[in-house]
Amino acid sequence: MQKMTLVFVIDGQRILLAMKKQGFGKGRYNGLGGKVKTGENIEQAAKREAREECGIKITKMHKRGVLVFYPDKFLDGVEVHIYLAGKFTGAPKETKEMKPKWFKLTKIPYDKMWDGDKYWMPFFLAGKKFKGEFIFDRDDRMVSCELQTAENF
């Protein structure tokens, strides 16, 4: 199963989301992240992806969740490790892959995000640790989900 990272930067009452400009997920807001490369651990991958996708250096982050996404119930899943980044240096900037934008925590654009985000994001924002599994159909619509709080991942 492919391991991936997803980092959400929160600064006060706002969250940094990035519009994916190309490839898988194009046209949707999400956190910063991607595949774990050979030779790096999950945290290293999360920090690298944040630097590559919007030019910031994460200096402190905490793991909040692990979600498994199945793009189709008959295909292998993707294990996504989700982090909260509360400290970073640099200013978010647009890259060829992502266009970052700050949103108020009360104005998260769920209608421009993945279908499953509206289910697990409240756990994340409430400071809970969580794990879950989401299945999508071939048109990227969520068909089922299991979600629960978790002490360990």
C-alpha atoms as a PDB file:
ATOM      1  CA  MET A   1       0.000   0.000   0.000  1.00  0.00           C
ATOM      2  CA  GLN A   2       1.375   3.407  -0.984  1.00  0.00           C
ATOM      3  CA  LYS A   3       2.157   5.688   1.997  1.00  0.00           C
ATOM      4  CA  MET A   4       1.480   9.386   1.617  1.00  0.00           C
ATOM      5  CA  THR A   5       1.464  12.521   3.761  1.00  0.00           C
ATOM      6  CA  LEU A   6      -0.932  15.404   4.201  1.00  0.00           C
ATOM      7  CA  VAL A   7      -0.060  18.499   6.250  1.00  0.00           C
ATOM      8  CA  PHE A   8      -2.480  21.235   7.260  1.00  0.00           C
ATOM      9  CA  VAL A   9      -0.943  24.469   8.528  1.00  0.00           C
ATOM     10  CA  ILE A  10      -3.025  26.333  11.084  1.00  0.00           C
ATOM     11  CA  ASP A  11      -2.083  29.856  12.096  1.00  0.00           C
ATOM     12  CA  GLY A  12      -4.456  31.296  14.689  1.00  0.00           C
ATOM     13  CA  GLN A  13      -7.986  31.128  13.279  1.00  0.00           C
ATOM     14  CA  ARG A  14      -6.966  30.333   9.720  1.00  0.00           C
ATOM     15  CA  ILE A  15      -5.919  27.243   7.786  1.00  0.00           C
ATOM     16  CA  LEU A  16      -3.670  27.024   4.741  1.00  0.00           C
ATOM     17  CA  LEU A  17      -5.192  25.041   1.888  1.00  0.00           C
ATOM     18  CA  ALA A  18      -3.761  24.681  -1.591  1.00  0.00           C
ATOM     19  CA  MET A  19      -5.529  24.338  -4.922  1.00  0.00           C
ATOM     20  CA  LYS A  20      -4.030  21.457  -6.887  1.00  0.00           C
ATOM     21  CA  LYS A  21      -3.120  22.768 -10.339  1.00  0.00           C
ATOM     22  CA  GLN A  22      -2.161  19.530 -12.113  1.00  0.00           C
ATOM     23  CA  GLY A  23      -2.385  15.764 -11.913  1.00  0.00           C
ATOM     24  CA  PHE A  24      -4.470  13.708  -9.491  1.00  0.00           C
ATOM     25  CA  GLY A  25      -6.820  15.965  -7.512  1.00  0.00           C
ATOM     26  CA  LYS A  26      -6.546  18.881  -9.949  1.00  0.00           C
ATOM     27  CA  GLY A  27      -9.065  21.632  -9.172  1.00  0.00           C
ATOM     28  CA  ARG A  28      -9.500  20.689  -5.500  1.00  0.00           C
ATOM     29  CA  TYR A  29      -8.284  22.318  -2.297  1.00  0.00           C
ATOM     30  CA  ASN A  30      -6.273  20.118   0.024  1.00  0.00           C
ATOM     31  CA  GLY A  31      -3.399  20.231   2.465  1.00  0.00           C
ATOM     32  CA  LEU A  32       0.223  19.902   1.411  1.00  0.00           C
ATOM     33  CA  GLY A  33       1.652  16.472   0.861  1.00  0.00           C
ATOM     34  CA  GLY A  34       2.429  13.552  -1.335  1.00  0.00           C
ATOM     35  CA  LYS A  35       4.291  10.281  -1.633  1.00  0.00           C
ATOM     36  CA  VAL A  36       6.938   9.071   0.787  1.00  0.00           C
ATOM     37  CA  LYS A  37      10.139   8.540  -1.182  1.00  0.00           C
ATOM     38  CA  THR A  38      12.585   5.700  -0.689  1.00  0.00           C
ATOM     39  CA  GLY A  39      14.996   6.509   2.133  1.00  0.00           C
ATOM     40  CA  GLU A  40      12.815   9.008   3.975  1.00  0.00           C
ATOM     41  CA  ASN A  41      10.382   8.561   6.833  1.00  0.00           C
ATOM     42  CA  ILE A  42       6.827   9.876   6.829  1.00  0.00           C
ATOM     43  CA  GLU A  43       7.649  13.085   8.742  1.00  0.00           C
ATOM     44  CA  GLN A  44      10.565  13.871   6.430  1.00  0.00           C
ATOM     45  CA  ALA A  45       8.271  13.388   3.443  1.00  0.00           C
ATOM     46  CA  ALA A  46       5.635  15.713   4.927  1.00  0.00           C
ATOM     47  CA  LYS A  47       8.173  18.482   5.494  1.00  0.00           C
ATOM     48  CA  ARG A  48       9.723  18.023   2.038  1.00  0.00           C
ATOM     49  CA  GLU A  49       6.349  18.161   0.322  1.00  0.00           C
ATOM     50  CA  ALA A  50       5.381  21.384   2.141  1.00  0.00           C
ATOM     51  CA  ARG A  51       8.652  22.964   1.017  1.00  0.00           C
ATOM     52  CA  GLU A  52       8.242  21.795  -2.592  1.00  0.00           C
ATOM     53  CA  GLU A  53       4.549  22.636  -2.914  1.00  0.00           C
ATOM     54  CA  CYS A  54       4.458  26.104  -1.395  1.00  0.00           C
ATOM     55  CA  GLY A  55       7.925  27.089  -0.180  1.00  0.00           C
ATOM     56  CA  ILE A  56       7.429  26.900   3.583  1.00  0.00           C
ATOM     57  CA  LYS A  57       9.607  25.084   6.102  1.00  0.00           C
ATOM     58  CA  ILE A  58       7.622  23.201   8.745  1.00  0.00           C
ATOM     59  CA  THR A  59       9.389  23.497  12.105  1.00  0.00           C
ATOM     60  CA  LYS A  60       6.819  21.799  14.350  1.00  0.00           C
ATOM     61  CA  MET A  61       4.046  19.357  13.536  1.00  0.00           C
ATOM     62  CA  HIS A  62       1.915  16.725  15.243  1.00  0.00           C
ATOM     63  CA  LYS A  63       0.362  13.605  13.770  1.00  0.00           C
ATOM     64  CA  ARG A  64      -3.435  13.717  13.962  1.00  0.00           C
ATOM     65  CA  GLY A  65      -4.630  10.830  11.845  1.00  0.00           C
ATOM     66  CA  VAL A  66      -4.173   7.949   9.475  1.00  0.00           C
ATOM     67  CA  LEU A  67      -6.720   7.425   6.735  1.00  0.00           C
ATOM     68  CA  VAL A  68      -6.839   4.758   4.060  1.00  0.00           C
ATOM     69  CA  PHE A  69      -8.425   5.795   0.785  1.00  0.00           C
ATOM     70  CA  TYR A  70      -9.536   3.332  -1.849  1.00  0.00           C
ATOM     71  CA  PRO A  71      -9.997   5.082  -5.201  1.00  0.00           C
ATOM     72  CA  ASP A  72     -12.130   2.085  -6.199  1.00  0.00           C
ATOM     73  CA  LYS A  73     -13.072  -0.824  -3.952  1.00  0.00           C
ATOM     74  CA  PHE A  74     -11.218  -3.176  -6.265  1.00  0.00           C
ATOM     75  CA  LEU A  75      -7.914  -1.275  -6.267  1.00  0.00           C
ATOM     76  CA  ASP A  76      -5.103  -1.038  -3.712  1.00  0.00           C
ATOM     77  CA  GLY A  77      -5.514   1.673  -1.140  1.00  0.00           C
ATOM     78  CA  VAL A  78      -3.433   4.699  -0.229  1.00  0.00           C
ATOM     79  CA  GLU A  79      -2.448   5.159   3.436  1.00  0.00           C
ATOM     80  CA  VAL A  80      -2.376   8.884   4.246  1.00  0.00           C
ATOM     81  CA  HIS A  81      -0.695  10.196   7.417  1.00  0.00           C
ATOM     82  CA  ILE A  82      -2.242  13.515   8.419  1.00  0.00           C
ATOM     83  CA  TYR A  83      -0.371  16.194  10.348  1.00  0.00           C
ATOM     84  CA  LEU A  84      -1.107  19.539  11.938  1.00  0.00           C
ATOM     85  CA  ALA A  85       1.688  22.047  11.454  1.00  0.00           C
ATOM     86  CA  GLY A  86       1.557  24.900  13.940  1.00  0.00           C
ATOM     87  CA  LYS A  87       5.000  26.374  13.337  1.00  0.00           C
ATOM     88  CA  PHE A  88       6.677  27.154  10.050  1.00  0.00           C
ATOM     89  CA  THR A  89       9.008  29.659   8.444  1.00  0.00           C
ATOM     90  CA  GLY A  90       8.670  31.397   5.110  1.00  0.00           C
ATOM     91  CA  ALA A  91       5.645  32.743   3.292  1.00  0.00           C
ATOM     92  CA  PRO A  92       3.416  30.414   1.269  1.00  0.00           C
ATOM     93  CA  LYS A  93       3.908  30.964  -2.454  1.00  0.00           C
ATOM     94  CA  GLU A  94       2.378  29.530  -5.591  1.00  0.00           C
ATOM     95  CA  THR A  95       4.290  26.808  -7.408  1.00  0.00           C
ATOM     96  CA  LYS A  96       3.666  24.932 -10.638  1.00  0.00           C
ATOM     97  CA  GLU A  97       1.774  22.288  -8.638  1.00  0.00           C
ATOM     98  CA  MET A  98      -0.164  24.225  -5.977  1.00  0.00           C
ATOM     99  CA  LYS A  99      -1.768  27.600  -5.339  1.00  0.00           C
ATOM    100  CA  PRO A 100      -1.948  28.157  -1.549  1.00  0.00           C
ATOM    101  CA  LYS A 101      -4.631  30.271   0.111  1.00  0.00           C
ATOM    102  CA  TRP A 102      -5.522  31.040   3.726  1.00  0.00           C
ATOM    103  CA  PHE A 103      -9.108  30.356   4.842  1.00  0.00           C
ATOM    104  CA  LYS A 104     -10.854  31.160   8.093  1.00  0.00           C
ATOM    105  CA  LEU A 105     -11.431  27.970  10.087  1.00  0.00           C
ATOM    106  CA  THR A 106     -15.157  28.746   9.907  1.00  0.00           C
ATOM    107  CA  LYS A 107     -15.084  29.109   6.084  1.00  0.00           C
ATOM    108  CA  ILE A 108     -13.399  25.932   4.855  1.00  0.00           C
ATOM    109  CA  PRO A 109     -14.483  25.323   1.219  1.00  0.00           C
ATOM    110  CA  TYR A 110     -15.645  21.706   1.585  1.00  0.00           C
ATOM    111  CA  ASP A 111     -17.520  21.970  -1.728  1.00  0.00           C
ATOM    112  CA  LYS A 112     -14.138  22.365  -3.486  1.00  0.00           C
ATOM    113  CA  MET A 113     -12.425  19.525  -1.604  1.00  0.00           C
ATOM    114  CA  TRP A 114     -12.584  15.712  -1.670  1.00  0.00           C
ATOM    115  CA  ASP A 115     -15.968  14.285  -0.612  1.00  0.00           C
ATOM    116  CA  GLY A 116     -14.562  12.572   2.484  1.00  0.00           C
ATOM    117  CA  ASP A 117     -12.887  15.700   3.894  1.00  0.00           C
ATOM    118  CA  LYS A 118     -16.085  17.056   5.441  1.00  0.00           C
ATOM    119  CA  TYR A 119     -16.272  13.898   7.595  1.00  0.00           C
ATOM    120  CA  TRP A 120     -12.775  13.710   9.040  1.00  0.00           C
ATOM    121  CA  MET A 121     -11.781  17.394   9.029  1.00  0.00           C
ATOM    122  CA  PRO A 122     -14.018  18.197  12.069  1.00  0.00           C
ATOM    123  CA  PHE A 123     -12.071  15.553  14.059  1.00  0.00           C
ATOM    124  CA  PHE A 124      -8.834  17.220  12.951  1.00  0.00           C
ATOM    125  CA  LEU A 125     -10.016  20.743  13.805  1.00  0.00           C
ATOM    126  CA  ALA A 126     -11.293  19.608  17.226  1.00  0.00           C
ATOM    127  CA  GLY A 127      -7.805  18.342  18.106  1.00  0.00           C
ATOM    128  CA  LYS A 128      -8.810  14.673  18.065  1.00  0.00           C
ATOM    129  CA  LYS A 129      -6.642  11.837  16.824  1.00  0.00           C
ATOM    130  CA  PHE A 130      -8.449   9.640  14.321  1.00  0.00           C
ATOM    131  CA  LYS A 131      -8.264   6.809  11.834  1.00  0.00           C
ATOM    132  CA  GLY A 132     -10.559   5.739   9.069  1.00  0.00           C
ATOM    133  CA  GLU A 133     -11.198   4.170   5.712  1.00  0.00           C
ATOM    134  CA  PHE A 134     -12.891   5.749   2.693  1.00  0.00           C
ATOM    135  CA  ILE A 135     -14.010   4.083  -0.534  1.00  0.00           C
ATOM    136  CA  PHE A 136     -14.621   6.105  -3.687  1.00  0.00           C
ATOM    137  CA  ASP A 137     -16.231   5.117  -6.962  1.00  0.00           C
ATOM    138  CA  ARG A 138     -14.633   5.561 -10.379  1.00  0.00           C
ATOM    139  CA  ASP A 139     -16.034   9.133 -10.545  1.00  0.00           C
ATOM    140  CA  ASP A 140     -14.271  10.121  -7.277  1.00  0.00           C
ATOM    141  CA  ARG A 141     -17.506  10.147  -5.252  1.00  0.00           C
ATOM    142  CA  MET A 142     -17.348   8.695  -1.768  1.00  0.00           C
ATOM    143  CA  VAL A 143     -19.462   5.541  -1.453  1.00  0.00           C
ATOM    144  CA  SER A 144     -18.598   4.557   2.128  1.00  0.00           C
ATOM    145  CA  CYS A 145     -16.540   5.585   5.115  1.00  0.00           C
ATOM    146  CA  GLU A 146     -15.573   4.332   8.542  1.00  0.00           C
ATOM    147  CA  LEU A 147     -14.134   6.874  10.946  1.00  0.00           C
ATOM    148  CA  GLN A 148     -13.234   6.762  14.617  1.00  0.00           C
ATOM    149  CA  THR A 149     -11.089   8.462  17.210  1.00  0.00           C
ATOM    150  CA  ALA A 150      -7.793   6.704  17.893  1.00  0.00           C
ATOM    151  CA  GLU A 151      -5.140   6.738  20.590  1.00  0.00           C
ATOM    152  CA  ASN A 152      -2.527   4.976  18.483  1.00  0.00           C
ATOM    153  CA  PHE A 153      -1.864   4.730  14.776  1.00  0.00           C
END
